[in-house]
């Protein structure tokens, strides 16, 4: 029962990702994708694939997954997340102006999001706007701590460290 197995392939892909087995995560997710009729599950699977492909630096495949994820994004939160991930991808390609535009749209959809603020800080730092980046990263950290979001705290600290290091302040970084 291929359709019934899709949920189990999704679970296998998530387990493989958690265990650090990127090839297995991609294989299991590829088996599930054609059979996932539920939009929310398909969105989750695309997110998983996107994380694996980003980690592996497979930028062309990552771009295809981003396009598919964008087509599945329906809520403002999902659209904001899509903007964050698009900016991260564009940043890796050195397309900072486009990444900044994505971040502006994401922050319009989800103002004050600590993850978006942290990603925006990195984009600004890379594009030479380091003073703005420090302020945004500090705001992201404050917001993440207030929300009790450990992943966002880590993202904000990474953005702060990145910005300070780019300014030559290794001690603070």
Protein backbone atom coordinates (compact mmCIF):
# COMPACT_ATOMS: atom_id res chain seq x y z
CA UNK A 1 0.00 0.00 0.00
CA UNK A 2 2.15 2.85 -1.33
CA UNK A 3 -0.18 5.59 -0.15
CA UNK A 4 -0.35 4.13 3.35
CA UNK A 5 3.42 3.68 3.43
CA UNK A 6 4.10 7.37 2.74
CA UNK A 7 3.69 8.35 6.40
CA UNK A 8 6.17 5.64 7.41
CA UNK A 9 8.66 6.81 4.76
CA UNK A 10 8.29 10.30 6.23
CA UNK A 11 9.01 8.94 9.69
CA UNK A 12 12.02 7.02 8.33
CA UNK A 13 13.32 10.18 6.66
CA UNK A 14 12.97 12.17 9.90
CA UNK A 15 14.72 9.43 11.88
CA UNK A 16 17.54 9.28 9.33
CA UNK A 17 17.98 13.05 9.49
CA UNK A 18 18.06 12.97 13.30
CA UNK A 19 20.73 10.25 13.14
CA UNK A 20 22.79 12.19 10.60
CA UNK A 21 22.23 9.84 7.65
CA UNK A 22 21.65 12.36 4.87
CA UNK A 23 21.58 9.85 1.97
CA UNK A 24 18.96 7.71 3.73
CA UNK A 25 16.90 10.81 4.60
CA UNK A 26 16.87 11.81 0.93
CA UNK A 27 16.04 8.28 -0.23
CA UNK A 28 13.18 7.81 2.23
CA UNK A 29 11.76 11.25 1.50
CA UNK A 30 11.94 10.62 -2.25
CA UNK A 31 9.86 7.48 -1.75
CA UNK A 32 7.26 9.35 0.29
CA UNK A 33 6.87 12.51 -1.80
CA UNK A 34 4.90 11.12 -4.74
CA UNK A 35 2.39 9.57 -2.36
CA UNK A 36 1.85 12.33 0.20
CA UNK A 37 -1.63 13.67 -0.51
CA UNK A 38 -1.80 15.75 2.67
CA UNK A 39 -0.40 19.25 2.06
CA UNK A 40 0.91 19.64 5.62
CA UNK A 41 2.84 16.35 5.42
CA UNK A 42 4.21 17.27 1.99
CA UNK A 43 5.32 20.63 3.41
CA UNK A 44 7.08 18.86 6.29
CA UNK A 45 8.80 16.51 3.85
CA UNK A 46 9.97 19.36 1.63
CA UNK A 47 11.38 21.13 4.70
CA UNK A 48 13.29 18.02 5.65
CA UNK A 49 14.69 17.62 2.13
CA UNK A 50 15.63 21.29 2.05
CA UNK A 51 17.61 21.00 5.30
CA UNK A 52 19.49 17.94 4.04
CA UNK A 53 20.29 19.52 0.68
CA UNK A 54 21.42 22.75 2.34
CA UNK A 55 23.68 20.80 4.70
CA UNK A 56 25.16 18.89 1.75
CA UNK A 57 25.58 22.17 -0.21
CA UNK A 58 23.62 20.81 -3.18
CA UNK A 59 22.53 24.29 -4.22
CA UNK A 60 20.80 23.38 -7.49
CA UNK A 61 18.70 20.66 -5.83
CA UNK A 62 18.07 23.02 -2.91
CA UNK A 63 16.70 25.61 -5.36
CA UNK A 64 14.26 23.03 -6.74
CA UNK A 65 13.09 22.08 -3.24
CA UNK A 66 12.65 25.76 -2.37
CA UNK A 67 10.45 26.21 -5.43
CA UNK A 68 8.33 23.22 -4.42
CA UNK A 69 8.14 24.43 -0.81
CA UNK A 70 7.02 27.86 -1.98
CA UNK A 71 4.15 26.23 -3.85
CA UNK A 72 3.05 24.44 -0.67
CA UNK A 73 3.32 27.47 1.65
CA UNK A 74 -0.17 28.65 2.53
CA UNK A 75 -0.13 30.32 5.95
CA UNK A 76 1.72 33.53 6.79
CA UNK A 77 4.00 31.53 9.10
CA UNK A 78 4.88 29.11 6.28
CA UNK A 79 5.40 31.96 3.84
CA UNK A 80 7.68 33.72 6.34
CA UNK A 81 9.63 30.50 6.84
CA UNK A 82 9.92 30.15 3.07
CA UNK A 83 11.34 33.70 2.92
CA UNK A 84 13.89 32.85 5.61
CA UNK A 85 15.02 29.70 3.81
CA UNK A 86 15.11 31.47 0.45
CA UNK A 87 17.29 34.21 1.94
CA UNK A 88 19.62 31.59 3.40
CA UNK A 89 19.93 29.97 -0.03
CA UNK A 90 20.48 33.29 -1.80
CA UNK A 91 23.04 34.32 0.82
CA UNK A 92 25.04 31.17 0.10
CA UNK A 93 25.03 32.14 -3.58
CA UNK A 94 26.26 35.66 -2.75
CA UNK A 95 23.01 37.25 -3.91
CA UNK A 96 22.67 39.55 -0.91
CA UNK A 97 20.27 42.12 -2.39
CA UNK A 98 17.78 39.37 -3.28
CA UNK A 99 18.26 37.79 0.15
CA UNK A 100 17.54 41.16 1.78
CA UNK A 101 14.32 41.47 -0.24
CA UNK A 102 13.25 38.01 0.94
CA UNK A 103 13.98 38.97 4.54
CA UNK A 104 11.94 42.17 4.21
CA UNK A 105 8.98 40.13 2.97
CA UNK A 106 9.42 37.54 5.71
CA UNK A 107 9.54 40.20 8.41
CA UNK A 108 6.45 41.85 6.92
CA UNK A 109 4.63 38.54 7.35
CA UNK A 110 6.09 37.76 10.77
CA UNK A 111 7.37 40.95 12.42
CA UNK A 112 9.79 40.38 15.26
CA UNK A 113 10.42 36.70 14.47
CA UNK A 114 13.77 35.91 16.13
CA UNK A 115 14.78 33.45 13.40
CA UNK A 116 14.00 35.96 10.67
CA UNK A 117 15.82 38.72 12.54
CA UNK A 118 18.88 36.47 12.95
CA UNK A 119 18.91 35.56 9.26
CA UNK A 120 18.44 39.22 8.33
CA UNK A 121 21.41 40.11 10.57
CA UNK A 122 23.62 37.63 8.72
CA UNK A 123 22.52 38.94 5.33
CA UNK A 124 23.22 42.52 6.40
CA UNK A 125 26.59 41.55 7.84
CA UNK A 126 27.61 39.85 4.60
CA UNK A 127 26.50 42.83 2.56
CA UNK A 128 28.67 45.19 4.63
CA UNK A 129 25.93 46.62 6.87
CA UNK A 130 27.54 45.35 10.08
CA UNK A 131 26.29 48.01 12.50
CA UNK A 132 22.69 47.24 11.50
CA UNK A 133 23.46 43.53 11.74
CA UNK A 134 24.65 43.77 15.35
CA UNK A 135 21.47 45.59 16.37
CA UNK A 136 19.25 43.03 14.60
CA UNK A 137 21.13 40.04 16.03
CA UNK A 138 20.84 41.49 19.56
CA UNK A 139 17.11 42.06 18.98
CA UNK A 140 16.79 38.47 17.71
CA UNK A 141 18.54 37.15 20.81
CA UNK A 142 16.32 39.17 23.15
CA UNK A 143 13.19 38.01 21.31
CA UNK A 144 14.30 34.37 21.23
CA UNK A 145 15.11 34.33 24.93
CA UNK A 146 11.76 35.94 25.76
CA UNK A 147 9.98 33.29 23.67
CA UNK A 148 12.01 30.46 25.22
CA UNK A 149 12.94 29.25 21.73
CA UNK A 150 16.29 27.46 22.08
CA UNK A 151 16.76 27.01 18.33
CA UNK A 152 16.15 30.72 17.73
CA UNK A 153 18.57 31.58 20.58
CA UNK A 154 21.23 29.52 18.83
CA UNK A 155 20.48 31.25 15.51
CA UNK A 156 20.69 34.67 17.14
CA UNK A 157 23.97 33.83 18.87
CA UNK A 158 25.35 32.56 15.58
CA UNK A 159 24.31 35.81 13.88
CA UNK A 160 25.92 37.87 16.66
CA UNK A 161 29.14 35.86 16.49
CA UNK A 162 29.22 36.06 12.70
CA UNK A 163 28.72 39.82 12.75
CA UNK A 164 31.34 40.47 15.42
CA UNK A 165 33.83 38.21 13.63
CA UNK A 166 33.21 40.04 10.34
CA UNK A 167 34.07 43.29 12.13
CA UNK A 168 37.33 41.76 13.40
CA UNK A 169 36.11 41.55 17.01
CA UNK A 170 37.08 37.92 17.55
CA UNK A 171 36.96 38.16 21.35
CA UNK A 172 33.31 39.18 21.37
CA UNK A 173 32.50 36.71 18.60
